[in-house]
Protein backbone atom coordinates (compact mmCIF):
# COMPACT_ATOMS: atom_id res chain seq x y z
CA MET A 1 172.10 160.96 72.20
CA PRO A 2 173.47 159.07 75.18
CA MET A 3 171.32 156.90 77.37
CA PHE A 4 171.36 157.06 81.23
CA THR A 5 169.91 154.85 83.92
CA VAL A 6 167.96 156.89 86.39
CA LEU A 7 166.72 155.63 89.89
CA CYS A 8 163.35 156.62 91.11
CA ARG A 9 163.16 156.10 94.83
CA VAL A 10 159.57 156.27 96.33
CA ASP A 11 158.98 157.01 99.99
CA ALA A 12 157.16 154.12 101.49
CA TYR A 13 156.33 151.96 104.55
CA VAL A 14 156.09 148.25 104.72
CA ASP A 15 153.08 147.34 106.89
CA TYR A 16 153.02 144.26 109.18
CA THR A 17 150.30 143.25 111.63
CA ALA A 18 150.19 140.88 114.65
CA ARG A 19 147.62 139.67 117.13
CA VAL A 20 148.36 141.08 120.58
CA GLU A 21 146.39 139.95 123.63
CA ALA A 22 145.90 143.01 126.04
CA ASP A 23 143.35 144.73 128.18
CA ASP A 24 142.91 147.57 125.75
CA ALA A 25 144.19 148.92 122.41
CA GLU A 26 146.79 151.21 124.11
CA GLN A 27 148.21 148.36 126.14
CA ALA A 28 148.35 146.24 123.02
CA ALA A 29 150.42 148.95 121.11
CA ASP A 30 152.64 149.33 124.21
CA LEU A 31 153.34 145.54 124.37
CA ALA A 32 154.11 145.32 120.69
CA TYR A 33 156.32 148.32 120.81
CA ASP A 34 158.25 147.16 123.89
CA SER A 35 158.68 143.47 122.73
CA PRO A 36 158.06 143.13 118.92
CA GLY A 37 159.93 139.89 118.92
CA ASP A 38 157.33 138.27 121.07
CA TYR A 39 154.75 138.32 118.24
CA ILE A 40 154.20 136.73 114.86
CA TRP A 41 154.17 139.58 112.32
CA GLU A 42 152.48 139.13 108.90
CA GLU A 43 153.37 141.47 106.01
CA ARG A 44 150.42 143.50 104.65
CA GLY A 45 152.37 145.03 101.92
CA ALA A 46 153.96 148.42 100.96
CA VAL A 47 152.21 151.75 101.20
CA GLU A 48 153.75 154.44 98.93
CA PHE A 49 153.60 158.12 99.35
CA ASP A 50 153.88 161.09 96.93
CA ALA A 51 157.45 161.93 97.87
CA CYS A 52 159.85 160.68 95.19
CA GLY A 53 163.46 161.23 94.36
CA TYR A 54 165.34 160.82 91.16
CA VAL A 55 169.05 160.37 90.61
CA ALA A 56 171.19 159.22 87.61
CA LEU A 57 173.47 156.18 88.15
CA ASP A 58 176.94 155.84 86.84
CA ALA A 59 178.48 152.76 85.10
CA LYS A 60 179.01 151.04 88.51
CA ASP A 61 175.23 151.64 89.46
CA GLU A 62 176.23 154.22 92.03
CA GLU A 63 174.31 157.41 92.50
CA ILE A 64 175.72 160.58 90.83
CA GLU A 65 175.11 162.99 93.68
CA VAL A 66 174.86 166.24 91.59
CA THR A 67 171.94 164.63 89.63
CA ARG A 68 169.62 164.30 92.67
CA ARG A 69 166.16 165.77 92.13
CA GLY A 70 163.13 165.66 94.48
CA TYR A 71 162.80 164.06 97.87
CA PHE A 72 165.49 161.90 99.35
CA GLY A 73 164.64 162.04 103.11
């Protein structure tokens, strides 16, 4: 029986945090959103979700579209 490589892609975010001086939490979020390059961001790690997608890969490690199953948002 042939063997295939199948990719599992998990929906996830990579979280970062920064210290932002502001009058209140809302202003801190606004400042970070408006000028993210002004802050030093530290990676907290990845957060995975239940949404997963699977797809077989061809000999060139490219996805075979007709084999997609699940979530690929």
